[in-house]
Amino acid sequence: MLGGPTYCIAFDGLDVQRHYVVKGTPIRPVDSRPRLFEVVPDEIAGDLDGASDLLGKGLFVRLVSIADEVVKGPFMFEISDFTEPA
């Protein structure tokens, strides 16, 4: 498992052929700088230390500042499967 600030979210039933929507909300005090929640494509995540063994086993997420710097911090997330039934 990655220790952050990029995280790999793995869950039972993950299928890379399905279509997932990932929604996240940074948790921060009102007086702190804004942060954005982003899903990291495998092409970028694969270059991170320790991530290559996790490709295809989870979804990579992280927080970034408005200056596009990766930052640590708490967040909430929800993953929905929007694959059309066969």
PDB file of N, CA and C in Angstrom:
ATOM      1  N   MET A   1       0.849  -1.178   0.000  1.00  0.00           N
ATOM      2  CA  MET A   1       0.000   0.000   0.000  1.00  0.00           C
ATOM      3  C   MET A   1       0.890   1.235   0.000  1.00  0.00           C
ATOM      4  N   LEU A   2       0.499   2.217  -0.747  1.00  0.00           N
ATOM      5  CA  LEU A   2       1.213   3.492  -0.764  1.00  0.00           C
ATOM      6  C   LEU A   2       0.888   4.266   0.511  1.00  0.00           C
ATOM      7  N   GLY A   3       1.872   4.924   1.055  1.00  0.00           N
ATOM      8  CA  GLY A   3       1.677   5.649   2.299  1.00  0.00           C
ATOM      9  C   GLY A   3       1.269   7.099   2.129  1.00  0.00           C
ATOM     10  N   GLY A   4       0.992   7.517   0.933  1.00  0.00           N
ATOM     11  CA  GLY A   4       0.572   8.883   0.691  1.00  0.00           C
ATOM     12  C   GLY A   4       1.750   9.755   0.309  1.00  0.00           C
ATOM     13  N   PRO A   5       1.572  10.861  -0.265  1.00  0.00           N
ATOM     14  CA  PRO A   5       0.283  11.514  -0.401  1.00  0.00           C
ATOM     15  C   PRO A   5      -0.593  10.996  -1.548  1.00  0.00           C
ATOM     16  N   THR A   6      -0.111  10.014  -2.321  1.00  0.00           N
ATOM     17  CA  THR A   6      -0.974   9.356  -3.293  1.00  0.00           C
ATOM     18  C   THR A   6      -1.384   8.014  -2.703  1.00  0.00           C
ATOM     19  N   TYR A   7      -2.664   7.695  -2.789  1.00  0.00           N
ATOM     20  CA  TYR A   7      -3.184   6.482  -2.166  1.00  0.00           C
ATOM     21  C   TYR A   7      -3.781   5.564  -3.221  1.00  0.00           C
ATOM     22  N   CYS A   8      -3.675   4.271  -2.982  1.00  0.00           N
ATOM     23  CA  CYS A   8      -4.305   3.271  -3.845  1.00  0.00           C
ATOM     24  C   CYS A   8      -5.509   2.724  -3.099  1.00  0.00           C
ATOM     25  N   ILE A   9      -6.692   2.937  -3.642  1.00  0.00           N
ATOM     26  CA  ILE A   9      -7.921   2.453  -3.026  1.00  0.00           C
ATOM     27  C   ILE A   9      -8.294   1.142  -3.711  1.00  0.00           C
ATOM     28  N   ALA A  10      -8.159   0.057  -2.973  1.00  0.00           N
ATOM     29  CA  ALA A  10      -8.489  -1.272  -3.501  1.00  0.00           C
ATOM     30  C   ALA A  10      -9.768  -1.751  -2.813  1.00  0.00           C
ATOM     31  N   PHE A  11     -10.589  -2.496  -3.541  1.00  0.00           N
ATOM     32  CA  PHE A  11     -11.820  -3.024  -2.947  1.00  0.00           C
ATOM     33  C   PHE A  11     -12.205  -4.320  -3.643  1.00  0.00           C
ATOM     34  N   ASP A  12     -12.946  -5.152  -2.921  1.00  0.00           N
ATOM     35  CA  ASP A  12     -13.409  -6.421  -3.484  1.00  0.00           C
ATOM     36  C   ASP A  12     -14.277  -6.142  -4.707  1.00  0.00           C
ATOM     37  N   GLY A  13     -14.080  -6.902  -5.741  1.00  0.00           N
ATOM     38  CA  GLY A  13     -14.885  -6.759  -6.945  1.00  0.00           C
ATOM     39  C   GLY A  13     -14.357  -5.746  -7.947  1.00  0.00           C
ATOM     40  N   LEU A  14     -13.218  -5.123  -7.651  1.00  0.00           N
ATOM     41  CA  LEU A  14     -12.650  -4.169  -8.608  1.00  0.00           C
ATOM     42  C   LEU A  14     -12.376  -4.877  -9.931  1.00  0.00           C
ATOM     43  N   ASP A  15     -12.846  -4.291 -11.003  1.00  0.00           N
ATOM     44  CA  ASP A  15     -12.646  -4.841 -12.345  1.00  0.00           C
ATOM     45  C   ASP A  15     -12.250  -3.677 -13.247  1.00  0.00           C
ATOM     46  N   VAL A  16     -11.032  -3.687 -13.748  1.00  0.00           N
ATOM     47  CA  VAL A  16     -10.545  -2.564 -14.553  1.00  0.00           C
ATOM     48  C   VAL A  16     -11.317  -2.407 -15.861  1.00  0.00           C
ATOM     49  N   GLN A  17     -12.143  -3.372 -16.224  1.00  0.00           N
ATOM     50  CA  GLN A  17     -12.954  -3.268 -17.436  1.00  0.00           C
ATOM     51  C   GLN A  17     -14.264  -2.519 -17.188  1.00  0.00           C
ATOM     52  N   ARG A  18     -14.585  -2.255 -15.924  1.00  0.00           N
ATOM     53  CA  ARG A  18     -15.828  -1.569 -15.591  1.00  0.00           C
ATOM     54  C   ARG A  18     -15.596  -0.059 -15.580  1.00  0.00           C
ATOM     55  N   HIS A  19     -16.681   0.707 -15.549  1.00  0.00           N
ATOM     56  CA  HIS A  19     -16.633   2.174 -15.573  1.00  0.00           C
ATOM     57  C   HIS A  19     -17.018   2.717 -14.197  1.00  0.00           C
ATOM     58  N   TYR A  20     -16.045   3.269 -13.512  1.00  0.00           N
ATOM     59  CA  TYR A  20     -16.265   3.806 -12.173  1.00  0.00           C
ATOM     60  C   TYR A  20     -16.232   5.333 -12.193  1.00  0.00           C
ATOM     61  N   VAL A  21     -17.043   5.919 -11.331  1.00  0.00           N
ATOM     62  CA  VAL A  21     -16.992   7.343 -11.079  1.00  0.00           C
ATOM     63  C   VAL A  21     -16.504   7.495  -9.646  1.00  0.00           C
ATOM     64  N   VAL A  22     -15.433   8.263  -9.474  1.00  0.00           N
ATOM     65  CA  VAL A  22     -14.846   8.476  -8.155  1.00  0.00           C
ATOM     66  C   VAL A  22     -15.061   9.930  -7.779  1.00  0.00           C
ATOM     67  N   LYS A  23     -15.730  10.147  -6.638  1.00  0.00           N
ATOM     68  CA  LYS A  23     -15.981  11.506  -6.144  1.00  0.00           C
ATOM     69  C   LYS A  23     -15.266  11.654  -4.812  1.00  0.00           C
ATOM     70  N   GLY A  24     -14.587  12.760  -4.617  1.00  0.00           N
ATOM     71  CA  GLY A  24     -13.880  12.969  -3.367  1.00  0.00           C
ATOM     72  C   GLY A  24     -13.982  14.401  -2.893  1.00  0.00           C
ATOM     73  N   THR A  25     -13.909  14.553  -1.582  1.00  0.00           N
ATOM     74  CA  THR A  25     -13.976  15.862  -0.964  1.00  0.00           C
ATOM     75  C   THR A  25     -12.859  16.004   0.053  1.00  0.00           C
ATOM     76  N   PRO A  26     -11.975  16.978  -0.126  1.00  0.00           N
ATOM     77  CA  PRO A  26     -10.951  17.226   0.889  1.00  0.00           C
ATOM     78  C   PRO A  26     -11.615  17.707   2.186  1.00  0.00           C
ATOM     79  N   ILE A  27     -11.043  17.306   3.315  1.00  0.00           N
ATOM     80  CA  ILE A  27     -11.514  17.770   4.622  1.00  0.00           C
ATOM     81  C   ILE A  27     -10.466  18.736   5.138  1.00  0.00           C
ATOM     82  N   ARG A  28     -10.865  19.976   5.369  1.00  0.00           N
ATOM     83  CA  ARG A  28      -9.890  20.976   5.782  1.00  0.00           C
ATOM     84  C   ARG A  28     -10.587  22.073   6.563  1.00  0.00           C
ATOM     85  N   PRO A  29      -9.828  22.742   7.418  1.00  0.00           N
ATOM     86  CA  PRO A  29     -10.398  23.904   8.115  1.00  0.00           C
ATOM     87  C   PRO A  29     -10.739  25.005   7.122  1.00  0.00           C
ATOM     88  N   VAL A  30     -11.701  25.806   7.458  1.00  0.00           N
ATOM     89  CA  VAL A  30     -12.152  26.881   6.567  1.00  0.00           C
ATOM     90  C   VAL A  30     -11.023  27.856   6.253  1.00  0.00           C
ATOM     91  N   ASP A  31     -10.130  28.083   7.203  1.00  0.00           N
ATOM     92  CA  ASP A  31      -9.090  29.088   6.995  1.00  0.00           C
ATOM     93  C   ASP A  31      -7.820  28.531   6.334  1.00  0.00           C
ATOM     94  N   SER A  32      -7.857  27.282   5.851  1.00  0.00           N
ATOM     95  CA  SER A  32      -6.678  26.718   5.187  1.00  0.00           C
ATOM     96  C   SER A  32      -6.796  26.879   3.672  1.00  0.00           C
ATOM     97  N   ARG A  33      -5.695  26.646   2.989  1.00  0.00           N
ATOM     98  CA  ARG A  33      -5.681  26.795   1.529  1.00  0.00           C
ATOM     99  C   ARG A  33      -6.556  25.721   0.866  1.00  0.00           C
ATOM    100  N   PRO A  34      -7.201  26.076  -0.233  1.00  0.00           N
ATOM    101  CA  PRO A  34      -8.034  25.095  -0.936  1.00  0.00           C
ATOM    102  C   PRO A  34      -7.212  23.907  -1.449  1.00  0.00           C
ATOM    103  N   ARG A  35      -7.852  22.754  -1.483  1.00  0.00           N
ATOM    104  CA  ARG A  35      -7.250  21.533  -2.022  1.00  0.00           C
ATOM    105  C   ARG A  35      -8.242  20.897  -2.979  1.00  0.00           C
ATOM    106  N   LEU A  36      -7.720  20.175  -3.927  1.00  0.00           N
ATOM    107  CA  LEU A  36      -8.545  19.481  -4.907  1.00  0.00           C
ATOM    108  C   LEU A  36      -8.292  17.981  -4.790  1.00  0.00           C
ATOM    109  N   PHE A  37      -9.333  17.200  -4.931  1.00  0.00           N
ATOM    110  CA  PHE A  37      -9.230  15.746  -4.940  1.00  0.00           C
ATOM    111  C   PHE A  37      -9.105  15.315  -6.391  1.00  0.00           C
ATOM    112  N   GLU A  38      -8.143  14.444  -6.687  1.00  0.00           N
ATOM    113  CA  GLU A  38      -8.011  13.994  -8.077  1.00  0.00           C
ATOM    114  C   GLU A  38      -7.729  12.501  -8.146  1.00  0.00           C
ATOM    115  N   VAL A  39      -8.246  11.899  -9.193  1.00  0.00           N
ATOM    116  CA  VAL A  39      -7.937  10.505  -9.516  1.00  0.00           C
ATOM    117  C   VAL A  39      -6.704  10.535 -10.408  1.00  0.00           C
ATOM    118  N   VAL A  40      -5.734   9.688 -10.078  1.00  0.00           N
ATOM    119  CA  VAL A  40      -4.463   9.669 -10.797  1.00  0.00           C
ATOM    120  C   VAL A  40      -4.483   8.533 -11.818  1.00  0.00           C
ATOM    121  N   PRO A  41      -4.285   8.837 -13.095  1.00  0.00           N
ATOM    122  CA  PRO A  41      -4.249   7.769 -14.107  1.00  0.00           C
ATOM    123  C   PRO A  41      -3.098   6.794 -13.837  1.00  0.00           C
ATOM    124  N   ASP A  42      -3.294   5.541 -14.214  1.00  0.00           N
ATOM    125  CA  ASP A  42      -2.254   4.522 -14.029  1.00  0.00           C
ATOM    126  C   ASP A  42      -0.941   4.928 -14.676  1.00  0.00           C
ATOM    127  N   GLU A  43      -1.002   5.648 -15.799  1.00  0.00           N
ATOM    128  CA  GLU A  43       0.219   6.056 -16.491  1.00  0.00           C
ATOM    129  C   GLU A  43       1.090   6.949 -15.608  1.00  0.00           C
ATOM    130  N   ILE A  44       0.464   7.762 -14.785  1.00  0.00           N
ATOM    131  CA  ILE A  44       1.206   8.634 -13.869  1.00  0.00           C
ATOM    132  C   ILE A  44       1.535   7.885 -12.585  1.00  0.00           C
ATOM    133  N   ALA A  45       0.579   7.145 -12.064  1.00  0.00           N
ATOM    134  CA  ALA A  45       0.787   6.409 -10.808  1.00  0.00           C
ATOM    135  C   ALA A  45       1.906   5.383 -10.935  1.00  0.00           C
ATOM    136  N   GLY A  46       2.061   4.785 -12.105  1.00  0.00           N
ATOM    137  CA  GLY A  46       3.080   3.771 -12.306  1.00  0.00           C
ATOM    138  C   GLY A  46       4.493   4.281 -12.100  1.00  0.00           C
ATOM    139  N   ASP A  47       4.683   5.593 -12.178  1.00  0.00           N
ATOM    140  CA  ASP A  47       6.001   6.195 -11.969  1.00  0.00           C
ATOM    141  C   ASP A  47       6.293   6.489 -10.500  1.00  0.00           C
ATOM    142  N   LEU A  48       5.311   6.300  -9.624  1.00  0.00           N
ATOM    143  CA  LEU A  48       5.500   6.586  -8.205  1.00  0.00           C
ATOM    144  C   LEU A  48       6.159   5.403  -7.505  1.00  0.00           C
ATOM    145  N   ASP A  49       6.984   5.685  -6.505  1.00  0.00           N
ATOM    146  CA  ASP A  49       7.639   4.615  -5.747  1.00  0.00           C
ATOM    147  C   ASP A  49       6.602   3.695  -5.115  1.00  0.00           C
ATOM    148  N   GLY A  50       6.733   2.403  -5.351  1.00  0.00           N
ATOM    149  CA  GLY A  50       5.861   1.403  -4.753  1.00  0.00           C
ATOM    150  C   GLY A  50       4.546   1.188  -5.450  1.00  0.00           C
ATOM    151  N   ALA A  51       4.261   1.950  -6.491  1.00  0.00           N
ATOM    152  CA  ALA A  51       2.952   1.862  -7.142  1.00  0.00           C
ATOM    153  C   ALA A  51       2.885   0.797  -8.228  1.00  0.00           C
ATOM    154  N   SER A  52       4.010   0.445  -8.818  1.00  0.00           N
ATOM    155  CA  SER A  52       3.963  -0.470  -9.965  1.00  0.00           C
ATOM    156  C   SER A  52       3.343  -1.813  -9.603  1.00  0.00           C
ATOM    157  N   ASP A  53       3.536  -2.284  -8.376  1.00  0.00           N
ATOM    158  CA  ASP A  53       2.939  -3.554  -7.949  1.00  0.00           C
ATOM    159  C   ASP A  53       1.438  -3.451  -7.723  1.00  0.00           C
ATOM    160  N   LEU A  54       0.913  -2.234  -7.640  1.00  0.00           N
ATOM    161  CA  LEU A  54      -0.506  -2.028  -7.355  1.00  0.00           C
ATOM    162  C   LEU A  54      -1.336  -1.709  -8.593  1.00  0.00           C
ATOM    163  N   LEU A  55      -0.688  -1.529  -9.738  1.00  0.00           N
ATOM    164  CA  LEU A  55      -1.430  -1.212 -10.961  1.00  0.00           C
ATOM    165  C   LEU A  55      -2.428  -2.325 -11.261  1.00  0.00           C
ATOM    166  N   GLY A  56      -3.659  -1.942 -11.544  1.00  0.00           N
ATOM    167  CA  GLY A  56      -4.713  -2.902 -11.849  1.00  0.00           C
ATOM    168  C   GLY A  56      -5.371  -3.485 -10.611  1.00  0.00           C
ATOM    169  N   LYS A  57      -4.892  -3.118  -9.424  1.00  0.00           N
ATOM    170  CA  LYS A  57      -5.447  -3.652  -8.176  1.00  0.00           C
ATOM    171  C   LYS A  57      -6.227  -2.610  -7.390  1.00  0.00           C
ATOM    172  N   GLY A  58      -6.230  -1.377  -7.869  1.00  0.00           N
ATOM    173  CA  GLY A  58      -6.919  -0.312  -7.162  1.00  0.00           C
ATOM    174  C   GLY A  58      -6.962   0.955  -7.979  1.00  0.00           C
ATOM    175  N   LEU A  59      -7.597   1.960  -7.419  1.00  0.00           N
ATOM    176  CA  LEU A  59      -7.698   3.274  -8.040  1.00  0.00           C
ATOM    177  C   LEU A  59      -6.817   4.233  -7.253  1.00  0.00           C
ATOM    178  N   PHE A  60      -6.023   5.021  -7.942  1.00  0.00           N
ATOM    179  CA  PHE A  60      -5.090   5.931  -7.298  1.00  0.00           C
ATOM    180  C   PHE A  60      -5.722   7.311  -7.156  1.00  0.00           C
ATOM    181  N   VAL A  61      -5.598   7.890  -5.965  1.00  0.00           N
ATOM    182  CA  VAL A  61      -6.152   9.212  -5.691  1.00  0.00           C
ATOM    183  C   VAL A  61      -5.157  10.021  -4.868  1.00  0.00           C
ATOM    184  N   ARG A  62      -5.328  11.335  -4.895  1.00  0.00           N
ATOM    185  CA  ARG A  62      -4.487  12.213  -4.086  1.00  0.00           C
ATOM    186  C   ARG A  62      -5.139  13.584  -3.994  1.00  0.00           C
ATOM    187  N   LEU A  63      -4.569  14.411  -3.124  1.00  0.00           N
ATOM    188  CA  LEU A  63      -4.972  15.802  -3.006  1.00  0.00           C
ATOM    189  C   LEU A  63      -3.895  16.670  -3.626  1.00  0.00           C
ATOM    190  N   VAL A  64      -4.303  17.733  -4.277  1.00  0.00           N
ATOM    191  CA  VAL A  64      -3.354  18.707  -4.825  1.00  0.00           C
ATOM    192  C   VAL A  64      -3.805  20.102  -4.414  1.00  0.00           C
ATOM    193  N   SER A  65      -2.824  20.989  -4.304  1.00  0.00           N
ATOM    194  CA  SER A  65      -3.132  22.387  -4.014  1.00  0.00           C
ATOM    195  C   SER A  65      -3.567  23.066  -5.312  1.00  0.00           C
ATOM    196  N   ILE A  66      -4.060  24.290  -5.180  1.00  0.00           N
ATOM    197  CA  ILE A  66      -4.457  25.007  -6.396  1.00  0.00           C
ATOM    198  C   ILE A  66      -3.240  25.385  -7.228  1.00  0.00           C
ATOM    199  N   ALA A  67      -2.036  25.249  -6.640  1.00  0.00           N
ATOM    200  CA  ALA A  67      -0.796  25.468  -7.389  1.00  0.00           C
ATOM    201  C   ALA A  67      -0.298  24.153  -7.993  1.00  0.00           C
ATOM    202  N   ASP A  68      -1.133  23.113  -7.970  1.00  0.00           N
ATOM    203  CA  ASP A  68      -0.847  21.798  -8.542  1.00  0.00           C
ATOM    204  C   ASP A  68       0.307  21.080  -7.836  1.00  0.00           C
ATOM    205  N   GLU A  69       0.443  21.294  -6.532  1.00  0.00           N
ATOM    206  CA  GLU A  69       1.423  20.570  -5.731  1.00  0.00           C
ATOM    207  C   GLU A  69       0.693  19.480  -4.965  1.00  0.00           C
ATOM    208  N   VAL A  70       1.246  18.269  -4.949  1.00  0.00           N
ATOM    209  CA  VAL A  70       0.646  17.168  -4.202  1.00  0.00           C
ATOM    210  C   VAL A  70       0.796  17.459  -2.717  1.00  0.00           C
ATOM    211  N   VAL A  71      -0.307  17.326  -1.969  1.00  0.00           N
ATOM    212  CA  VAL A  71      -0.307  17.620  -0.535  1.00  0.00           C
ATOM    213  C   VAL A  71      -0.953  16.463   0.229  1.00  0.00           C
ATOM    214  N   LYS A  72      -0.544  16.307   1.495  1.00  0.00           N
ATOM    215  CA  LYS A  72      -1.178  15.323   2.367  1.00  0.00           C
ATOM    216  C   LYS A  72      -2.379  15.966   3.043  1.00  0.00           C
ATOM    217  N   GLY A  73      -3.345  15.142   3.386  1.00  0.00           N
ATOM    218  CA  GLY A  73      -4.503  15.635   4.112  1.00  0.00           C
ATOM    219  C   GLY A  73      -5.639  14.639   4.049  1.00  0.00           C
ATOM    220  N   PRO A  74      -6.594  14.776   4.948  1.00  0.00           N
ATOM    221  CA  PRO A  74      -7.730  13.854   4.960  1.00  0.00           C
ATOM    222  C   PRO A  74      -8.729  14.181   3.845  1.00  0.00           C
ATOM    223  N   PHE A  75      -9.464  13.162   3.449  1.00  0.00           N
ATOM    224  CA  PHE A  75     -10.509  13.336   2.451  1.00  0.00           C
ATOM    225  C   PHE A  75     -11.533  12.225   2.606  1.00  0.00           C
ATOM    226  N   MET A  76     -12.703  12.449   2.028  1.00  0.00           N
ATOM    227  CA  MET A  76     -13.751  11.430   1.945  1.00  0.00           C
ATOM    228  C   MET A  76     -13.919  11.104   0.480  1.00  0.00           C
ATOM    229  N   PHE A  77     -14.347   9.873   0.193  1.00  0.00           N
ATOM    230  CA  PHE A  77     -14.557   9.517  -1.211  1.00  0.00           C
ATOM    231  C   PHE A  77     -15.719   8.552  -1.339  1.00  0.00           C
ATOM    232  N   GLU A  78     -16.242   8.504  -2.562  1.00  0.00           N
ATOM    233  CA  GLU A  78     -17.316   7.579  -2.919  1.00  0.00           C
ATOM    234  C   GLU A  78     -17.005   7.050  -4.312  1.00  0.00           C
ATOM    235  N   ILE A  79     -17.172   5.752  -4.492  1.00  0.00           N
ATOM    236  CA  ILE A  79     -16.937   5.134  -5.797  1.00  0.00           C
ATOM    237  C   ILE A  79     -18.242   4.486  -6.252  1.00  0.00           C
ATOM    238  N   SER A  80     -18.690   4.833  -7.447  1.00  0.00           N
ATOM    239  CA  SER A  80     -19.914   4.273  -8.024  1.00  0.00           C
ATOM    240  C   SER A  80     -19.574   3.551  -9.311  1.00  0.00           C
ATOM    241  N   ASP A  81     -20.231   2.433  -9.542  1.00  0.00           N
ATOM    242  CA  ASP A  81     -20.031   1.653 -10.763  1.00  0.00           C
ATOM    243  C   ASP A  81     -21.118   2.049 -11.756  1.00  0.00           C
ATOM    244  N   PHE A  82     -20.710   2.616 -12.881  1.00  0.00           N
ATOM    245  CA  PHE A  82     -21.650   3.059 -13.909  1.00  0.00           C
ATOM    246  C   PHE A  82     -21.514   2.244 -15.205  1.00  0.00           C
ATOM    247  N   THR A  83     -21.091   0.995 -15.055  1.00  0.00           N
ATOM    248  CA  THR A  83     -21.015   0.118 -16.207  1.00  0.00           C
ATOM    249  C   THR A  83     -22.421  -0.234 -16.649  1.00  0.00           C
ATOM    250  N   GLU A  84     -22.687  -0.128 -17.943  1.00  0.00           N
ATOM    251  CA  GLU A  84     -24.007  -0.467 -18.462  1.00  0.00           C
ATOM    252  C   GLU A  84     -24.202  -1.984 -18.390  1.00  0.00           C
ATOM    253  N   PRO A  85     -25.391  -2.409 -17.981  1.00  0.00           N
ATOM    254  CA  PRO A  85     -25.657  -3.860 -17.924  1.00  0.00           C
ATOM    255  C   PRO A  85     -25.522  -4.481 -19.309  1.00  0.00           C
ATOM    256  N   ALA A  86     -25.031  -5.697 -19.338  1.00  0.00           N
ATOM    257  CA  ALA A  86     -24.851  -6.410 -20.625  1.00  0.00           C
ATOM    258  C   ALA A  86     -26.174  -6.852 -21.192  1.00  0.00           C
TER     259      ALA A  86
END
